[in-house]
């Protein structure tokens, strides 16, 4: 059974930086596109960033392009999201999952950006 555990969220001021981590228990991790998603207050969950299994391809939502960087460590089964120049509209619960998403989600990690 796949398990996803996100961490690294917190409260920062606009312009700040956070690095999110996601530990993935999945025998197919090294073959799977992985992604970060987020769900802001009163909003549906949305795609943020994706990374191919061999790091050859990354995709970003327009809202975060140039500010966020996704990476992964296939030896540790970890996915990361570096978030720079944070904005209040980045406030959300952040989740990692495969793309397309696997069954089940982790608890997410809360990111709150104050103006």
Protein backbone atom coordinates (compact mmCIF):
# COMPACT_ATOMS: atom_id res chain seq x y z
CA UNK A 1 0.00 0.00 0.00
CA UNK A 2 1.34 3.42 -0.96
CA UNK A 3 1.99 5.85 1.86
CA UNK A 4 2.71 9.55 1.43
CA UNK A 5 3.98 11.80 4.20
CA UNK A 6 4.48 15.51 3.63
CA UNK A 7 6.41 17.86 5.91
CA UNK A 8 8.17 21.21 5.97
CA UNK A 9 5.24 23.60 5.92
CA UNK A 10 4.92 26.60 8.18
CA UNK A 11 4.09 30.28 8.46
CA UNK A 12 6.22 32.78 6.57
CA UNK A 13 5.95 36.36 5.41
CA UNK A 14 5.51 37.27 1.77
CA UNK A 15 8.81 36.96 -0.05
CA UNK A 16 9.93 34.14 2.18
CA UNK A 17 11.17 30.63 1.47
CA UNK A 18 10.09 27.13 2.44
CA UNK A 19 11.24 23.65 1.43
CA UNK A 20 8.69 20.89 1.53
CA UNK A 21 9.55 17.21 1.71
CA UNK A 22 7.52 14.12 0.89
CA UNK A 23 8.42 10.59 1.92
CA UNK A 24 6.91 7.99 -0.38
CA UNK A 25 6.44 4.32 0.36
CA UNK A 26 5.86 2.85 -3.08
CA UNK A 27 7.63 -0.04 -4.75
CA UNK A 28 7.14 1.69 -8.13
CA UNK A 29 8.45 5.09 -7.03
CA UNK A 30 11.46 5.11 -9.34
CA UNK A 31 9.21 4.52 -12.35
CA UNK A 32 6.53 7.05 -11.51
CA UNK A 33 6.00 10.72 -12.36
CA UNK A 34 5.62 12.52 -9.04
CA UNK A 35 3.85 15.78 -8.39
CA UNK A 36 2.91 18.36 -5.81
CA UNK A 37 -0.63 19.60 -5.46
CA UNK A 38 -2.21 22.20 -3.20
CA UNK A 39 -5.62 23.10 -1.86
CA UNK A 40 -6.23 26.65 -0.75
CA UNK A 41 -9.09 27.74 1.54
CA UNK A 42 -12.39 27.15 -0.21
CA UNK A 43 -10.69 26.03 -3.42
CA UNK A 44 -10.37 22.68 -5.17
CA UNK A 45 -7.08 20.82 -5.13
CA UNK A 46 -4.81 22.00 -7.95
CA UNK A 47 -1.65 20.85 -9.65
CA UNK A 48 1.56 22.66 -8.70
CA UNK A 49 4.55 20.82 -10.15
CA UNK A 50 5.61 17.50 -11.68
CA UNK A 51 8.89 15.66 -12.11
CA UNK A 52 9.68 12.67 -14.30
CA UNK A 53 11.25 9.53 -12.80
CA UNK A 54 14.70 10.34 -14.20
CA UNK A 55 14.53 14.10 -13.56
CA UNK A 56 14.46 14.70 -17.33
CA UNK A 57 11.23 16.64 -17.29
CA UNK A 58 9.66 19.14 -14.93
CA UNK A 59 6.38 20.95 -15.32
CA UNK A 60 4.96 23.80 -13.28
CA UNK A 61 1.66 25.56 -12.92
CA UNK A 62 1.83 29.07 -14.34
CA UNK A 63 1.18 30.54 -10.89
CA UNK A 64 4.43 29.11 -9.49
CA UNK A 65 6.68 29.02 -12.53
CA UNK A 66 10.02 30.69 -11.82
CA UNK A 67 9.48 30.61 -8.05
CA UNK A 68 9.11 26.91 -7.18
CA UNK A 69 11.48 24.03 -7.94
CA UNK A 70 10.56 20.35 -7.72
CA UNK A 71 13.20 17.67 -7.20
CA UNK A 72 13.42 14.06 -6.14
CA UNK A 73 15.82 11.53 -4.65
CA UNK A 74 15.16 8.07 -6.01
CA UNK A 75 17.54 6.47 -3.49
CA UNK A 76 15.57 7.86 -0.56
CA UNK A 77 12.09 7.76 -2.15
CA UNK A 78 11.73 11.48 -1.47
CA UNK A 79 10.19 14.36 -3.39
CA UNK A 80 10.93 18.00 -2.57
CA UNK A 81 9.45 21.38 -3.37
CA UNK A 82 11.53 24.51 -2.89
CA UNK A 83 9.31 27.57 -2.74
CA UNK A 84 10.84 31.00 -3.17
CA UNK A 85 9.32 34.46 -3.18
CA UNK A 86 6.19 33.16 -1.52
CA UNK A 87 2.97 35.09 -1.93
CA UNK A 88 -0.18 35.15 0.22
CA UNK A 89 -2.00 33.34 -2.59
CA UNK A 90 0.36 30.38 -2.09
CA UNK A 91 -1.37 29.72 1.24
CA UNK A 92 -2.69 26.16 1.05
CA UNK A 93 -2.27 22.62 2.22
CA UNK A 94 0.37 21.00 0.03
CA UNK A 95 0.26 17.35 -0.97
CA UNK A 96 2.50 15.09 -3.00
CA UNK A 97 1.28 12.17 -5.07
CA UNK A 98 1.91 10.39 -8.30
CA UNK A 99 0.70 11.87 -11.52
CA UNK A 100 -1.86 10.61 -12.19
CA UNK A 101 -2.54 10.44 -8.45
CA UNK A 102 -2.45 7.07 -6.74
CA UNK A 103 -5.23 5.88 -4.47
CA UNK A 104 -5.08 7.74 -1.18
CA UNK A 105 -3.45 10.98 -0.10
CA UNK A 106 -1.20 11.94 2.75
CA UNK A 107 -2.15 14.40 5.45
CA UNK A 108 -0.53 17.28 3.61
CA UNK A 109 1.51 20.10 5.07
CA UNK A 110 0.09 23.56 5.74
CA UNK A 111 1.79 26.58 4.19
CA UNK A 112 0.62 29.99 5.35
CA UNK A 113 2.02 33.16 3.80
CA UNK A 114 1.20 36.47 5.43
CA UNK A 115 1.31 39.80 3.66
